[in-house]
Amino acid sequence: MAVGVWAYSEKLRNHPKNANLINPLFDAAIILVIVGAFALIISSAGSVSILIILQITAALLVMILSNKIKKFSEEKIGMEAIKRYRADSDLKNMIDWIQEEFYCCGTYVHTDWSKNMYYNCTENPITIEACSVPSSCCREEFRNNIFCGHDMQRRTMVEASKEIYTNGCVNSVYNKIKKNAIIIAISALSLLLFQIFAAFAALYLNLQVKAVIRFCSH
């Protein structure tokens, strides 16, 4: 939580004009503060069982509402992130990392970048980057080329796909998750079982300590 507070304060100090552009949904510093505060409250309460129940509930909700979550991530998070790409350096770095790691570009397709004012592909462009895409969309062999990504929205899908990734990031991320679903599930289950074991071990130790105290008091 302290790291999140520090990062947020530094962002405001270095970029005070962007304070009104900060969105909690996309700001890593704010997310760190929220998660840290939540973890602090749970740990202070000393209730591991509550944390385990919340994790199970969250997992069930993700399974039940997976389609709605995907639709929300496409319509709200994906498109909104593209629009705000240049407004927040943390968001920009995150989008670039996703596009490079998952070999994708845009939300559904690379032309989604026309939603961004700098890459907007209209008859009256306002920047020299109009109709282009970020360099993070480029295929690895073209990333060192400073002109890679330029004017890609004007090209056909076949032509553009020779230099950049044209598939959207939402499907790329979901396909990656599905491909590794078993590994993710086993890892999550192992972590949950470890937490349950730790909770029972702590309970057993607590009972043992109380038994010793009662024995010594007599």
C-alpha atoms as a PDB file:
ATOM      1  CA  MET A   1       0.000   0.000   0.000  1.00  0.00           C
ATOM      2  CA  ALA A   2       2.888   2.347   0.855  1.00  0.00           C
ATOM      3  CA  VAL A   3       4.402   1.766  -2.593  1.00  0.00           C
ATOM      4  CA  GLY A   4       1.085   2.682  -4.214  1.00  0.00           C
ATOM      5  CA  VAL A   5       0.770   5.902  -2.187  1.00  0.00           C
ATOM      6  CA  TRP A   6       4.344   6.870  -3.055  1.00  0.00           C
ATOM      7  CA  ALA A   7       3.858   6.119  -6.787  1.00  0.00           C
ATOM      8  CA  TYR A   8       0.606   8.109  -6.877  1.00  0.00           C
ATOM      9  CA  SER A   9       2.140  11.121  -5.111  1.00  0.00           C
ATOM     10  CA  GLU A  10       5.129  11.058  -7.469  1.00  0.00           C
ATOM     11  CA  LYS A  11       2.813  10.974 -10.481  1.00  0.00           C
ATOM     12  CA  LEU A  12       0.885  14.002  -9.229  1.00  0.00           C
ATOM     13  CA  ARG A  13       4.113  15.850  -8.410  1.00  0.00           C
ATOM     14  CA  ASN A  14       5.686  15.227 -11.806  1.00  0.00           C
ATOM     15  CA  HIS A  15       2.497  15.554 -13.880  1.00  0.00           C
ATOM     16  CA  PRO A  16       0.065  17.827 -11.975  1.00  0.00           C
ATOM     17  CA  LYS A  17      -1.833  18.671 -15.182  1.00  0.00           C
ATOM     18  CA  ASN A  18      -2.842  15.005 -15.582  1.00  0.00           C
ATOM     19  CA  ALA A  19      -4.536  14.775 -12.183  1.00  0.00           C
ATOM     20  CA  ASN A  20      -7.987  15.103 -13.733  1.00  0.00           C
ATOM     21  CA  LEU A  21      -7.171  12.328 -16.237  1.00  0.00           C
ATOM     22  CA  ILE A  22      -6.380   9.670 -13.639  1.00  0.00           C
ATOM     23  CA  ASN A  23      -8.865   6.814 -13.682  1.00  0.00           C
ATOM     24  CA  PRO A  24      -8.796   4.291 -10.775  1.00  0.00           C
ATOM     25  CA  LEU A  25      -9.628   1.499 -13.215  1.00  0.00           C
ATOM     26  CA  PHE A  26      -6.356   1.961 -15.123  1.00  0.00           C
ATOM     27  CA  ASP A  27      -4.002   3.515 -12.591  1.00  0.00           C
ATOM     28  CA  ALA A  28      -1.552   0.966 -11.189  1.00  0.00           C
ATOM     29  CA  ALA A  29      -0.725   3.124  -8.154  1.00  0.00           C
ATOM     30  CA  ILE A  30      -4.362   3.403  -7.089  1.00  0.00           C
ATOM     31  CA  ILE A  31      -4.900  -0.328  -7.616  1.00  0.00           C
ATOM     32  CA  LEU A  32      -1.871  -1.016  -5.378  1.00  0.00           C
ATOM     33  CA  VAL A  33      -3.326   1.227  -2.663  1.00  0.00           C
ATOM     34  CA  ILE A  34      -6.741  -0.485  -2.826  1.00  0.00           C
ATOM     35  CA  VAL A  35      -5.300  -4.017  -2.794  1.00  0.00           C
ATOM     36  CA  GLY A  36      -2.851  -3.097  -0.037  1.00  0.00           C
ATOM     37  CA  ALA A  37      -5.572  -1.551   2.109  1.00  0.00           C
ATOM     38  CA  PHE A  38      -7.785  -4.606   1.623  1.00  0.00           C
ATOM     39  CA  ALA A  39      -4.956  -6.972   2.571  1.00  0.00           C
ATOM     40  CA  LEU A  40      -4.116  -4.834   5.617  1.00  0.00           C
ATOM     41  CA  ILE A  41      -7.708  -4.930   6.855  1.00  0.00           C
ATOM     42  CA  ILE A  42      -7.941  -8.704   6.451  1.00  0.00           C
ATOM     43  CA  SER A  43      -4.569  -9.350   8.104  1.00  0.00           C
ATOM     44  CA  SER A  44      -5.341  -6.953  10.945  1.00  0.00           C
ATOM     45  CA  ALA A  45      -8.582  -8.784  11.588  1.00  0.00           C
ATOM     46  CA  GLY A  46      -6.527 -11.962  11.803  1.00  0.00           C
ATOM     47  CA  SER A  47      -9.107 -13.935   9.897  1.00  0.00           C
ATOM     48  CA  VAL A  48      -7.512 -16.207   7.320  1.00  0.00           C
ATOM     49  CA  SER A  49     -10.845 -17.986   6.899  1.00  0.00           C
ATOM     50  CA  ILE A  50     -12.451 -14.775   5.625  1.00  0.00           C
ATOM     51  CA  LEU A  51      -9.685 -14.389   3.045  1.00  0.00           C
ATOM     52  CA  ILE A  52     -10.124 -17.997   1.893  1.00  0.00           C
ATOM     53  CA  ILE A  53     -13.891 -17.582   1.594  1.00  0.00           C
ATOM     54  CA  LEU A  54     -13.426 -14.374  -0.424  1.00  0.00           C
ATOM     55  CA  GLN A  55     -10.995 -16.122  -2.781  1.00  0.00           C
ATOM     56  CA  ILE A  56     -13.392 -19.011  -3.359  1.00  0.00           C
ATOM     57  CA  THR A  57     -16.266 -16.577  -3.914  1.00  0.00           C
ATOM     58  CA  ALA A  58     -14.204 -14.548  -6.372  1.00  0.00           C
ATOM     59  CA  ALA A  59     -13.232 -17.690  -8.307  1.00  0.00           C
ATOM     60  CA  LEU A  60     -16.868 -18.822  -8.535  1.00  0.00           C
ATOM     61  CA  LEU A  61     -17.988 -15.372  -9.688  1.00  0.00           C
ATOM     62  CA  VAL A  62     -15.327 -15.350 -12.409  1.00  0.00           C
ATOM     63  CA  MET A  63     -16.505 -18.769 -13.635  1.00  0.00           C
ATOM     64  CA  ILE A  64     -20.202 -17.807 -13.573  1.00  0.00           C
ATOM     65  CA  LEU A  65     -19.777 -14.324 -15.028  1.00  0.00           C
ATOM     66  CA  SER A  66     -16.925 -15.095 -17.444  1.00  0.00           C
ATOM     67  CA  ASN A  67     -18.850 -13.978 -20.545  1.00  0.00           C
ATOM     68  CA  LYS A  68     -19.966 -10.723 -18.912  1.00  0.00           C
ATOM     69  CA  ILE A  69     -16.444 -10.065 -17.656  1.00  0.00           C
ATOM     70  CA  LYS A  70     -15.062 -10.608 -21.155  1.00  0.00           C
ATOM     71  CA  LYS A  71     -17.657  -8.273 -22.672  1.00  0.00           C
ATOM     72  CA  PHE A  72     -16.888  -5.621 -20.042  1.00  0.00           C
ATOM     73  CA  SER A  73     -13.146  -5.939 -20.650  1.00  0.00           C
ATOM     74  CA  GLU A  74     -13.716  -5.528 -24.380  1.00  0.00           C
ATOM     75  CA  GLU A  75     -16.155  -2.623 -24.353  1.00  0.00           C
ATOM     76  CA  LYS A  76     -15.045  -0.666 -21.298  1.00  0.00           C
ATOM     77  CA  ILE A  77     -11.481  -1.504 -20.392  1.00  0.00           C
ATOM     78  CA  GLY A  78     -10.084  -2.240 -23.863  1.00  0.00           C
ATOM     79  CA  MET A  79     -11.508   0.670 -25.812  1.00  0.00           C
ATOM     80  CA  GLU A  80     -11.139   3.140 -22.935  1.00  0.00           C
ATOM     81  CA  ALA A  81      -7.501   2.154 -22.494  1.00  0.00           C
ATOM     82  CA  ILE A  82      -6.827   2.845 -26.179  1.00  0.00           C
ATOM     83  CA  LYS A  83      -8.356   6.307 -25.882  1.00  0.00           C
ATOM     84  CA  ARG A  84      -6.225   7.093 -22.819  1.00  0.00           C
ATOM     85  CA  TYR A  85      -2.996   5.569 -24.180  1.00  0.00           C
ATOM     86  CA  ARG A  86      -1.003   8.809 -24.151  1.00  0.00           C
ATOM     87  CA  ALA A  87      -2.690  10.292 -21.060  1.00  0.00           C
ATOM     88  CA  ASP A  88      -0.979   8.023 -18.537  1.00  0.00           C
ATOM     89  CA  SER A  89       2.572   6.670 -18.796  1.00  0.00           C
ATOM     90  CA  ASP A  90       1.763   3.651 -16.559  1.00  0.00           C
ATOM     91  CA  LEU A  91      -1.195   2.724 -18.753  1.00  0.00           C
ATOM     92  CA  LYS A  92       0.912   3.195 -21.890  1.00  0.00           C
ATOM     93  CA  ASN A  93       3.614   0.870 -20.547  1.00  0.00           C
ATOM     94  CA  MET A  94       1.014  -1.725 -19.577  1.00  0.00           C
ATOM     95  CA  ILE A  95      -0.627  -1.678 -23.030  1.00  0.00           C
ATOM     96  CA  ASP A  96       2.756  -1.905 -24.753  1.00  0.00           C
ATOM     97  CA  TRP A  97       3.702  -4.868 -22.549  1.00  0.00           C
ATOM     98  CA  ILE A  98       0.425  -6.677 -23.319  1.00  0.00           C
ATOM     99  CA  GLN A  99       0.763  -6.136 -27.071  1.00  0.00           C
ATOM    100  CA  GLU A 100       4.378  -7.298 -27.096  1.00  0.00           C
ATOM    101  CA  GLU A 101       3.884 -10.304 -24.800  1.00  0.00           C
ATOM    102  CA  PHE A 102       0.653 -11.566 -26.383  1.00  0.00           C
ATOM    103  CA  TYR A 103       1.550 -10.648 -29.981  1.00  0.00           C
ATOM    104  CA  CYS A 104      -1.577  -8.563 -30.529  1.00  0.00           C
ATOM    105  CA  CYS A 105      -2.731  -5.077 -31.455  1.00  0.00           C
ATOM    106  CA  GLY A 106      -5.840  -3.188 -30.340  1.00  0.00           C
ATOM    107  CA  THR A 107      -8.895  -4.638 -28.618  1.00  0.00           C
ATOM    108  CA  TYR A 108     -10.471  -6.607 -31.484  1.00  0.00           C
ATOM    109  CA  VAL A 109      -8.227  -5.667 -34.407  1.00  0.00           C
ATOM    110  CA  HIS A 110      -5.343  -3.268 -35.103  1.00  0.00           C
ATOM    111  CA  THR A 111      -7.663  -0.604 -36.573  1.00  0.00           C
ATOM    112  CA  ASP A 112      -9.123  -0.092 -33.086  1.00  0.00           C
ATOM    113  CA  TRP A 113      -6.265   2.355 -32.622  1.00  0.00           C
ATOM    114  CA  SER A 114      -8.251   4.803 -34.690  1.00  0.00           C
ATOM    115  CA  LYS A 115     -10.178   5.439 -31.435  1.00  0.00           C
ATOM    116  CA  ASN A 116      -7.081   7.209 -30.120  1.00  0.00           C
ATOM    117  CA  MET A 117      -6.845  10.872 -31.080  1.00  0.00           C
ATOM    118  CA  TYR A 118      -3.195  10.565 -32.151  1.00  0.00           C
ATOM    119  CA  TYR A 119      -3.723   7.482 -34.317  1.00  0.00           C
ATOM    120  CA  ASN A 120      -7.188   8.450 -35.516  1.00  0.00           C
ATOM    121  CA  CYS A 121      -7.602   7.573 -39.178  1.00  0.00           C
ATOM    122  CA  THR A 122      -9.919  10.211 -40.626  1.00  0.00           C
ATOM    123  CA  GLU A 123      -9.941  12.495 -43.627  1.00  0.00           C
ATOM    124  CA  ASN A 124      -8.618  15.352 -41.460  1.00  0.00           C
ATOM    125  CA  PRO A 125      -5.723  13.925 -39.400  1.00  0.00           C
ATOM    126  CA  ILE A 126      -4.384  16.082 -36.577  1.00  0.00           C
ATOM    127  CA  THR A 127      -0.977  14.396 -36.172  1.00  0.00           C
ATOM    128  CA  ILE A 128       1.646  12.750 -38.368  1.00  0.00           C
ATOM    129  CA  GLU A 129       0.874   9.503 -36.526  1.00  0.00           C
ATOM    130  CA  ALA A 130      -2.643   9.398 -37.986  1.00  0.00           C
ATOM    131  CA  CYS A 131      -3.622   5.960 -39.309  1.00  0.00           C
ATOM    132  CA  SER A 132      -0.620   4.398 -37.582  1.00  0.00           C
ATOM    133  CA  VAL A 133      -0.377   2.018 -34.609  1.00  0.00           C
ATOM    134  CA  PRO A 134       2.063   1.938 -31.655  1.00  0.00           C
ATOM    135  CA  SER A 135       5.422   0.269 -32.257  1.00  0.00           C
ATOM    136  CA  SER A 136       4.464  -2.382 -29.674  1.00  0.00           C
ATOM    137  CA  CYS A 137       2.133  -3.805 -32.340  1.00  0.00           C
ATOM    138  CA  CYS A 138       5.106  -4.587 -34.562  1.00  0.00           C
ATOM    139  CA  ARG A 139       6.364  -8.081 -35.116  1.00  0.00           C
ATOM    140  CA  GLU A 140       9.639  -8.733 -33.309  1.00  0.00           C
ATOM    141  CA  GLU A 141      11.761  -8.604 -36.434  1.00  0.00           C
ATOM    142  CA  PHE A 142      10.466  -5.099 -37.267  1.00  0.00           C
ATOM    143  CA  ARG A 143      10.518  -3.453 -33.807  1.00  0.00           C
ATOM    144  CA  ASN A 144      13.891  -1.808 -34.374  1.00  0.00           C
ATOM    145  CA  ASN A 145      12.520  -0.046 -37.443  1.00  0.00           C
ATOM    146  CA  ILE A 146      11.421   3.446 -36.354  1.00  0.00           C
ATOM    147  CA  PHE A 147       8.858   3.552 -39.179  1.00  0.00           C
ATOM    148  CA  CYS A 148       7.187   0.280 -38.208  1.00  0.00           C
ATOM    149  CA  GLY A 149       3.517   0.846 -37.454  1.00  0.00           C
ATOM    150  CA  HIS A 150       3.308   3.961 -39.618  1.00  0.00           C
ATOM    151  CA  ASP A 151       0.199   4.177 -41.822  1.00  0.00           C
ATOM    152  CA  MET A 152      -0.743   0.555 -41.075  1.00  0.00           C
ATOM    153  CA  GLN A 153      -4.473   1.296 -40.745  1.00  0.00           C
ATOM    154  CA  ARG A 154      -4.608   2.292 -44.412  1.00  0.00           C
ATOM    155  CA  ARG A 155      -3.200  -1.038 -45.540  1.00  0.00           C
ATOM    156  CA  THR A 156      -5.191  -4.190 -46.123  1.00  0.00           C
ATOM    157  CA  MET A 157      -5.254  -6.823 -43.391  1.00  0.00           C
ATOM    158  CA  VAL A 158      -2.912  -9.073 -45.409  1.00  0.00           C
ATOM    159  CA  GLU A 159      -0.403  -6.279 -46.061  1.00  0.00           C
ATOM    160  CA  ALA A 160      -0.443  -5.014 -42.488  1.00  0.00           C
ATOM    161  CA  SER A 161      -0.036  -8.509 -41.018  1.00  0.00           C
ATOM    162  CA  LYS A 162       3.385  -8.797 -42.672  1.00  0.00           C
ATOM    163  CA  GLU A 163       4.824  -6.178 -40.292  1.00  0.00           C
ATOM    164  CA  ILE A 164       2.419  -5.963 -37.337  1.00  0.00           C
ATOM    165  CA  TYR A 165       0.096  -8.195 -35.360  1.00  0.00           C
ATOM    166  CA  THR A 166      -3.468  -7.541 -36.503  1.00  0.00           C
ATOM    167  CA  ASN A 167      -5.348  -9.772 -34.051  1.00  0.00           C
ATOM    168  CA  GLY A 168      -6.972  -8.131 -31.023  1.00  0.00           C
ATOM    169  CA  CYS A 169      -5.536  -8.440 -27.515  1.00  0.00           C
ATOM    170  CA  VAL A 170      -8.745  -9.535 -25.767  1.00  0.00           C
ATOM    171  CA  ASN A 171      -8.951 -12.805 -27.710  1.00  0.00           C
ATOM    172  CA  SER A 172      -5.179 -13.303 -27.512  1.00  0.00           C
ATOM    173  CA  VAL A 173      -5.188 -12.980 -23.718  1.00  0.00           C
ATOM    174  CA  TYR A 174      -8.255 -15.202 -23.309  1.00  0.00           C
ATOM    175  CA  ASN A 175      -6.817 -17.850 -25.610  1.00  0.00           C
ATOM    176  CA  LYS A 176      -3.590 -17.823 -23.603  1.00  0.00           C
ATOM    177  CA  ILE A 177      -5.562 -18.262 -20.377  1.00  0.00           C
ATOM    178  CA  LYS A 178      -7.599 -21.120 -21.856  1.00  0.00           C
ATOM    179  CA  LYS A 179      -4.438 -22.799 -23.122  1.00  0.00           C
ATOM    180  CA  ASN A 180      -2.931 -22.690 -19.622  1.00  0.00           C
ATOM    181  CA  ALA A 181      -6.208 -23.154 -17.730  1.00  0.00           C
ATOM    182  CA  ILE A 182      -5.141 -26.457 -16.137  1.00  0.00           C
ATOM    183  CA  ILE A 183      -1.833 -25.025 -14.897  1.00  0.00           C
ATOM    184  CA  ILE A 184      -3.573 -21.915 -13.554  1.00  0.00           C
ATOM    185  CA  ALA A 185      -6.252 -24.014 -11.831  1.00  0.00           C
ATOM    186  CA  ILE A 186      -3.687 -26.356 -10.239  1.00  0.00           C
ATOM    187  CA  SER A 187      -1.618 -23.390  -9.034  1.00  0.00           C
ATOM    188  CA  ALA A 188      -4.666 -21.646  -7.578  1.00  0.00           C
ATOM    189  CA  LEU A 189      -5.871 -24.844  -5.896  1.00  0.00           C
ATOM    190  CA  SER A 190      -2.413 -25.517  -4.450  1.00  0.00           C
ATOM    191  CA  LEU A 191      -2.277 -21.999  -3.023  1.00  0.00           C
ATOM    192  CA  LEU A 192      -5.768 -22.380  -1.554  1.00  0.00           C
ATOM    193  CA  LEU A 193      -4.914 -25.750   0.042  1.00  0.00           C
ATOM    194  CA  PHE A 194      -1.732 -24.272   1.496  1.00  0.00           C
ATOM    195  CA  GLN A 195      -3.725 -21.413   3.029  1.00  0.00           C
ATOM    196  CA  ILE A 196      -6.265 -23.848   4.495  1.00  0.00           C
ATOM    197  CA  PHE A 197      -3.429 -25.974   5.916  1.00  0.00           C
ATOM    198  CA  ALA A 198      -1.790 -22.858   7.386  1.00  0.00           C
ATOM    199  CA  ALA A 199      -5.103 -21.781   8.932  1.00  0.00           C
ATOM    200  CA  PHE A 200      -5.638 -25.176  10.593  1.00  0.00           C
ATOM    201  CA  ALA A 201      -2.009 -25.268  11.742  1.00  0.00           C
ATOM    202  CA  ALA A 202      -2.385 -21.824  13.325  1.00  0.00           C
ATOM    203  CA  LEU A 203      -5.634 -22.917  14.988  1.00  0.00           C
ATOM    204  CA  TYR A 204      -4.013 -26.088  16.324  1.00  0.00           C
ATOM    205  CA  LEU A 205      -1.040 -24.122  17.653  1.00  0.00           C
ATOM    206  CA  ASN A 206      -3.379 -21.630  19.309  1.00  0.00           C
ATOM    207  CA  LEU A 207      -5.268 -24.456  21.047  1.00  0.00           C
ATOM    208  CA  GLN A 208      -1.987 -25.999  22.199  1.00  0.00           C
ATOM    209  CA  VAL A 209      -0.791 -22.695  23.651  1.00  0.00           C
ATOM    210  CA  LYS A 210      -4.086 -22.217  25.495  1.00  0.00           C
ATOM    211  CA  ALA A 211      -3.861 -25.772  26.847  1.00  0.00           C
ATOM    212  CA  VAL A 212      -0.343 -25.102  28.165  1.00  0.00           C
ATOM    213  CA  ILE A 213      -1.468 -21.855  29.777  1.00  0.00           C
ATOM    214  CA  ARG A 214      -4.397 -23.598  31.501  1.00  0.00           C
ATOM    215  CA  PHE A 215      -2.091 -26.385  32.696  1.00  0.00           C
ATOM    216  CA  CYS A 216       0.436 -23.930  34.118  1.00  0.00           C
ATOM    217  CA  SER A 217      -2.260 -21.859  35.838  1.00  0.00           C
ATOM    218  CA  HIS A 218      -3.394 -24.826  37.962  1.00  0.00           C
END
